[in-house]
Amino acid sequence: MQIWAGLGNPGPQYSMHRHNVGFMACDVIAEMHGFGPVQKKFQGWVQEGRIGREKIILLKPATFMNESGRSVGEAMRFYKLDLDALTVFHDELDLAPFKVKVKRGGGHAGHNGLRSIDRHLGAEFRRVRIGIGHPGHKERVHGHVLGNYAKAEQDDLVQMLGAIGAEAEWLAAGDDARFMSDVALRMQN
């Protein structure tokens, strides 16, 4: 069993923020792979399903970004899982928009959701880093992260989320390199 946590903030006013791309990825994966109905659990929203041979629990913490670790930690303890069973989908300033990279462990680079999970569980979990690009100046980061995707970005956003959903079987199987490669190939078309 694996837990895939998408990071974001609850509420319709945040739904199209760049900071909520982790929520968006979970929603697309659930839809494309026929996951079960949404349940309220672990201070968040949970959907269960299978991708390939793997049972996956999708979790969207409802705790707001800064307290994501409370929700993720509760789910991990309930299922008695180690950090190698956790994948976190999150926005990444240090990647170009719509680039997707996977890595295990590392710092939080100022990302409050990752900082919270680190604090509750430790840092050695798999991260699906979804590029949102850097606005260029440090003082513009807050508005960029908490800003909506522009209309001109919608097609790329839909294509990228669809690629993540379509290639999720590689992620479930633990083949991070193939997942990244196939997502990148889909983004070129």
Protein backbone atom coordinates (compact mmCIF):
# COMPACT_ATOMS: atom_id res chain seq x y z
CA MET A 1 0.00 0.00 0.00
CA GLN A 2 1.16 3.52 -0.79
CA ILE A 3 -0.06 6.95 0.28
CA TRP A 4 0.09 9.66 -2.36
CA ALA A 5 -0.49 13.06 -0.78
CA GLY A 6 -1.26 16.07 -2.93
CA LEU A 7 -0.55 19.39 -1.27
CA GLY A 8 -2.82 22.41 -1.49
CA ASN A 9 -5.17 24.63 0.45
CA PRO A 10 -8.85 23.75 0.97
CA GLY A 11 -11.60 25.93 -0.43
CA PRO A 12 -12.81 27.02 -3.85
CA GLN A 13 -10.96 30.35 -3.68
CA TYR A 14 -7.65 28.42 -3.80
CA SER A 15 -8.59 25.78 -6.37
CA MET A 16 -6.66 27.27 -9.32
CA HIS A 17 -3.65 28.55 -7.34
CA ARG A 18 -0.25 27.27 -8.42
CA HIS A 19 0.22 26.18 -4.79
CA ASN A 20 -2.70 23.73 -5.29
CA VAL A 21 -1.25 21.77 -8.19
CA GLY A 22 -0.71 18.80 -5.83
CA PHE A 23 -4.48 18.67 -5.19
CA MET A 24 -5.07 18.91 -8.94
CA ALA A 25 -2.72 15.96 -9.61
CA CYS A 26 -4.58 13.78 -7.07
CA ASP A 27 -7.94 14.67 -8.62
CA VAL A 28 -6.77 13.74 -12.12
CA ILE A 29 -5.18 10.47 -10.94
CA ALA A 30 -8.39 9.51 -9.10
CA GLU A 31 -10.52 10.26 -12.15
CA MET A 32 -8.28 8.55 -14.72
CA HIS A 33 -7.82 5.40 -12.61
CA GLY A 34 -11.40 5.01 -11.34
CA PHE A 35 -10.73 5.56 -7.65
CA GLY A 36 -13.55 5.22 -5.13
CA PRO A 37 -15.62 8.06 -3.69
CA VAL A 38 -14.10 10.80 -1.55
CA GLN A 39 -14.15 10.10 2.19
CA LYS A 40 -13.31 12.50 5.00
CA LYS A 41 -10.44 10.95 6.98
CA PHE A 42 -7.13 11.94 8.52
CA GLN A 43 -8.03 15.64 8.59
CA GLY A 44 -8.39 15.55 4.82
CA TRP A 45 -10.06 13.90 1.85
CA VAL A 46 -9.16 10.35 0.90
CA GLN A 47 -9.84 8.22 -2.18
CA GLU A 48 -8.78 4.59 -2.50
CA GLY A 49 -7.96 2.71 -5.64
CA ARG A 50 -5.48 0.59 -7.52
CA ILE A 51 -2.90 1.50 -10.10
CA GLY A 52 -1.38 -1.58 -11.65
CA ARG A 53 -0.79 -4.03 -8.80
CA GLU A 54 -0.54 -1.34 -6.13
CA LYS A 55 -3.20 -0.17 -3.71
CA ILE A 56 -2.99 3.61 -3.52
CA ILE A 57 -4.53 5.93 -0.95
CA LEU A 58 -4.82 9.46 -2.38
CA LEU A 59 -4.84 12.07 0.38
CA LYS A 60 -5.55 15.78 0.12
CA PRO A 61 -4.92 17.34 3.55
CA ALA A 62 -7.64 19.81 4.59
CA THR A 63 -5.36 21.35 7.22
CA PHE A 64 -4.08 24.18 5.00
CA MET A 65 -0.60 23.92 3.55
CA ASN A 66 1.33 24.89 6.69
CA GLU A 67 -0.10 21.93 8.66
CA SER A 68 -0.07 19.25 5.93
CA GLY A 69 2.16 17.05 8.09
CA ARG A 70 -0.59 16.58 10.67
CA SER A 71 -2.88 14.96 8.10
CA VAL A 72 -0.18 12.97 6.30
CA GLY A 73 1.32 11.82 9.61
CA GLU A 74 -2.05 10.63 10.87
CA ALA A 75 -2.61 8.55 7.72
CA MET A 76 0.90 7.07 7.80
CA ARG A 77 0.55 6.06 11.46
CA PHE A 78 -2.94 4.60 10.91
CA TYR A 79 -1.69 2.30 8.14
CA LYS A 80 1.65 1.68 9.95
CA LEU A 81 3.63 2.64 6.85
CA ASP A 82 7.27 3.65 6.51
CA LEU A 83 8.39 6.76 4.63
CA ASP A 84 9.20 4.68 1.53
CA ALA A 85 5.43 4.24 1.07
CA LEU A 86 4.80 8.01 0.88
CA THR A 87 4.76 10.14 -2.26
CA VAL A 88 4.02 13.87 -2.04
CA PHE A 89 2.88 15.90 -5.07
CA HIS A 90 3.74 19.59 -4.70
CA ASP A 91 4.48 22.82 -6.55
CA GLU A 92 8.16 23.60 -7.14
CA LEU A 93 9.47 27.14 -7.71
CA ASP A 94 12.89 25.88 -8.80
CA LEU A 95 11.55 24.00 -11.83
CA ALA A 96 10.36 25.56 -15.08
CA PRO A 97 6.57 25.66 -15.43
CA PHE A 98 5.03 22.26 -16.25
CA LYS A 99 8.27 20.30 -15.77
CA VAL A 100 7.86 17.23 -13.54
CA LYS A 101 10.72 15.71 -11.57
CA VAL A 102 10.78 12.99 -8.92
CA LYS A 103 13.27 12.76 -6.08
CA ARG A 104 13.55 11.11 -2.69
CA GLY A 105 14.43 13.17 0.35
CA GLY A 106 16.02 16.58 0.42
CA GLY A 107 15.20 19.93 1.93
CA HIS A 108 11.97 21.85 1.82
CA ALA A 109 13.34 24.96 0.02
CA GLY A 110 10.93 27.17 1.97
CA HIS A 111 7.85 25.13 0.99
CA ASN A 112 5.65 25.15 4.08
CA GLY A 113 3.83 21.93 3.22
CA LEU A 114 7.09 20.01 2.86
CA ARG A 115 8.43 21.68 6.01
CA SER A 116 5.38 20.45 7.94
CA ILE A 117 5.71 16.87 6.65
CA ASP A 118 9.45 16.92 7.44
CA ARG A 119 8.64 18.03 10.99
CA HIS A 120 6.05 15.29 11.53
CA LEU A 121 7.66 12.38 9.67
CA GLY A 122 11.17 13.17 8.49
CA ALA A 123 12.48 14.13 5.04
CA GLU A 124 13.14 10.79 3.33
CA PHE A 125 9.93 10.52 1.30
CA ARG A 126 9.43 10.59 -2.47
CA ARG A 127 8.43 13.93 -3.95
CA VAL A 128 6.80 14.59 -7.31
CA ARG A 129 7.97 18.14 -7.93
CA ILE A 130 5.65 20.01 -10.30
CA GLY A 131 7.30 23.08 -11.77
CA ILE A 132 5.60 26.45 -11.43
CA GLY A 133 8.66 28.55 -12.26
CA HIS A 134 10.13 31.41 -10.26
CA PRO A 135 8.75 34.92 -10.79
CA GLY A 136 12.30 36.33 -10.82
CA HIS A 137 12.30 38.38 -7.63
CA LYS A 138 12.02 37.06 -4.08
CA GLU A 139 9.39 39.65 -3.13
CA ARG A 140 7.10 38.38 -5.92
CA VAL A 141 7.19 34.70 -4.84
CA HIS A 142 4.22 34.87 -2.45
CA GLY A 143 1.87 36.39 -5.06
CA HIS A 144 3.11 33.99 -7.74
CA VAL A 145 2.61 30.85 -5.64
CA LEU A 146 -0.78 31.99 -4.35
CA GLY A 147 -1.87 33.29 -7.74
CA ASN A 148 -4.13 31.50 -10.19
CA TYR A 149 -2.79 29.86 -13.31
CA ALA A 150 -3.24 32.32 -16.18
CA LYS A 151 -5.69 31.58 -18.99
CA ALA A 152 -2.70 31.23 -21.35
CA GLU A 153 -1.35 28.42 -19.12
CA GLN A 154 -4.54 26.34 -19.03
CA ASP A 155 -3.75 24.08 -21.99
CA ASP A 156 -0.26 23.28 -20.65
CA LEU A 157 -1.68 22.65 -17.18
CA VAL A 158 -4.30 20.23 -18.51
CA GLN A 159 -1.70 18.46 -20.68
CA MET A 160 0.75 18.11 -17.76
CA LEU A 161 -1.88 16.82 -15.30
CA GLY A 162 -3.11 14.36 -17.94
CA ALA A 163 0.47 13.15 -18.46
CA ILE A 164 0.93 12.63 -14.71
CA GLY A 165 -2.30 10.65 -14.55
CA ALA A 166 -1.54 8.61 -17.66
CA GLU A 167 1.95 7.64 -16.49
CA ALA A 168 1.06 7.09 -12.81
CA GLU A 169 1.45 3.32 -13.22
CA TRP A 170 5.25 3.81 -13.48
CA LEU A 171 5.20 5.82 -10.28
CA ALA A 172 3.17 3.12 -8.52
CA ALA A 173 5.66 0.48 -9.67
CA GLY A 174 8.58 2.53 -8.35
CA ASP A 175 10.08 3.31 -11.76
CA ASP A 176 10.59 7.04 -11.21
CA ALA A 177 12.93 7.43 -14.21
CA ARG A 178 10.38 5.93 -16.63
CA PHE A 179 7.61 8.07 -15.10
CA MET A 180 9.62 11.28 -15.61
CA SER A 181 10.70 10.28 -19.12
CA ASP A 182 7.19 9.38 -20.28
CA VAL A 183 5.64 12.52 -18.75
CA ALA A 184 8.29 14.62 -20.54
CA LEU A 185 7.58 12.84 -23.84
CA ARG A 186 3.85 13.51 -23.51
CA MET A 187 4.59 17.19 -22.85
CA GLN A 188 6.56 17.46 -26.12
CA ASN A 189 3.58 16.37 -28.24
